[in-house]
Amino acid sequence: MLKIKFIAHDGTETGVAVDASGELSLMQVAVNNGVPGIDAECGGALSCATCHVRLDREWYDKLPEPSAMEKDMLEFVIDPQDTSRLSCQIKVTEALDGIIVYTPESQY
């Protein structure tokens, strides 16, 4: 089991332990565990950007580069940062053990 920490804009933390099968996305983990701030209106179809998160630079750099489609969708988020990602596009693997994910205030 790996650990993922979601931190809301107000500092509230939600810790989640999950099996790292590589079949779940960060968005699915958040939704399955009732993490606030991840609406996931499109269910992970890469068509709404309501699963926007921010990562620390260290974690951002460990992930594959966002696809062109993800980059296009990130243009629609409020206050994007250089470490913004769509959580539906990040697969949960052992390499993410200990990741800290920040949910933006605009999604509350």
Protein backbone atom coordinates (compact mmCIF):
# COMPACT_ATOMS: atom_id res chain seq x y z
CA MET A 1 0.00 0.00 0.00
CA LEU A 2 1.25 3.45 -0.83
CA LYS A 3 0.29 6.69 0.84
CA ILE A 4 -1.05 9.79 -0.87
CA LYS A 5 -1.71 13.05 0.96
CA PHE A 6 -4.25 15.52 -0.40
CA ILE A 7 -4.05 19.03 1.03
CA ALA A 8 -6.92 21.48 0.61
CA HIS A 9 -6.46 25.22 0.12
CA ASP A 10 -7.20 25.76 3.83
CA GLY A 11 -4.54 23.27 4.94
CA THR A 12 -6.93 20.41 5.71
CA GLU A 13 -5.19 17.11 4.98
CA THR A 14 -6.72 13.86 3.79
CA GLY A 15 -4.41 10.87 3.87
CA VAL A 16 -5.21 7.90 1.68
CA ALA A 17 -3.62 4.45 1.52
CA VAL A 18 -4.11 2.67 -1.78
CA ASP A 19 -2.94 -0.39 -3.67
CA ALA A 20 -0.54 0.66 -6.41
CA SER A 21 -1.89 -1.44 -9.23
CA GLY A 22 -1.33 1.24 -11.86
CA GLU A 23 -4.99 0.94 -12.84
CA LEU A 24 -6.28 3.87 -10.78
CA SER A 25 -5.68 7.54 -11.39
CA LEU A 26 -5.15 10.11 -8.63
CA MET A 27 -8.63 11.40 -9.50
CA GLN A 28 -10.20 7.97 -8.95
CA VAL A 29 -8.39 7.59 -5.63
CA ALA A 30 -9.65 11.01 -4.53
CA VAL A 31 -13.24 10.35 -5.59
CA ASN A 32 -13.28 6.84 -4.07
CA ASN A 33 -12.09 8.28 -0.75
CA GLY A 34 -14.30 11.38 -0.62
CA VAL A 35 -11.44 13.85 -0.96
CA PRO A 36 -12.93 17.35 -1.24
CA GLY A 37 -11.91 19.64 -4.07
CA ILE A 38 -11.85 17.02 -6.83
CA ASP A 39 -15.21 17.14 -8.62
CA ALA A 40 -14.27 14.94 -11.60
CA GLU A 41 -17.41 15.91 -13.48
CA CYS A 42 -16.36 14.11 -16.67
CA GLY A 43 -15.29 10.97 -14.82
CA GLY A 44 -11.74 11.10 -16.13
CA ALA A 45 -12.54 11.59 -19.82
CA LEU A 46 -10.16 14.58 -20.05
CA SER A 47 -12.95 16.96 -20.97
CA CYS A 48 -13.65 19.19 -17.96
CA ALA A 49 -10.54 20.02 -15.85
CA THR A 50 -12.49 19.72 -12.56
CA CYS A 51 -9.82 17.38 -11.22
CA HIS A 52 -7.11 20.05 -11.37
CA VAL A 53 -4.38 19.65 -8.75
CA ARG A 54 -1.01 21.18 -8.02
CA LEU A 55 2.11 19.26 -7.13
CA ASP A 56 5.41 20.14 -5.53
CA ARG A 57 8.10 20.59 -8.19
CA GLU A 58 9.89 17.43 -6.96
CA TRP A 59 6.79 15.29 -7.61
CA TYR A 60 5.87 17.09 -10.81
CA ASP A 61 9.30 16.34 -12.26
CA LYS A 62 8.96 12.61 -11.49
CA LEU A 63 5.87 12.28 -13.67
CA PRO A 64 5.68 11.89 -17.43
CA GLU A 65 5.14 15.14 -19.32
CA PRO A 66 1.45 16.11 -19.69
CA SER A 67 -0.03 15.23 -23.07
CA ALA A 68 -0.96 17.96 -25.53
CA MET A 69 -4.63 17.36 -24.72
CA GLU A 70 -4.01 17.71 -20.98
CA LYS A 71 -2.09 20.94 -21.58
CA ASP A 72 -5.04 22.25 -23.60
CA MET A 73 -7.47 21.44 -20.77
CA LEU A 74 -5.22 23.08 -18.19
CA GLU A 75 -5.78 26.36 -20.01
CA PHE A 76 -9.34 26.30 -18.64
CA VAL A 77 -8.48 26.04 -14.95
CA ILE A 78 -8.59 29.02 -12.63
CA ASP A 79 -5.14 30.18 -11.57
CA PRO A 80 -2.99 27.47 -13.20
CA GLN A 81 0.53 27.02 -11.85
CA ASP A 82 3.60 25.60 -13.55
CA THR A 83 3.07 22.38 -11.56
CA SER A 84 -0.64 22.06 -12.35
CA ARG A 85 -1.88 18.70 -13.59
CA LEU A 86 -5.20 16.97 -14.14
CA SER A 87 -5.38 14.19 -11.58
CA CYS A 88 -7.29 11.97 -14.03
CA GLN A 89 -4.11 11.74 -16.11
CA ILE A 90 -1.79 10.58 -13.32
CA LYS A 91 -1.70 6.82 -12.81
CA VAL A 92 -1.06 5.62 -9.26
CA THR A 93 2.13 3.54 -9.13
CA GLU A 94 4.66 2.65 -6.43
CA ALA A 95 6.74 5.60 -7.64
CA LEU A 96 4.09 7.92 -6.17
CA ASP A 97 4.39 6.63 -2.61
CA GLY A 98 4.31 9.68 -0.34
CA ILE A 99 3.13 12.15 -3.00
CA ILE A 100 1.50 15.33 -1.74
CA VAL A 101 -1.31 16.70 -3.89
CA TYR A 102 -2.78 20.19 -3.44
CA THR A 103 -6.36 20.96 -4.42
CA PRO A 104 -7.02 24.56 -5.51
CA GLU A 105 -9.47 26.84 -3.74
CA SER A 106 -11.43 27.39 -6.95
CA GLN A 107 -12.75 23.81 -6.79
CA TYR A 108 -14.50 24.18 -3.43
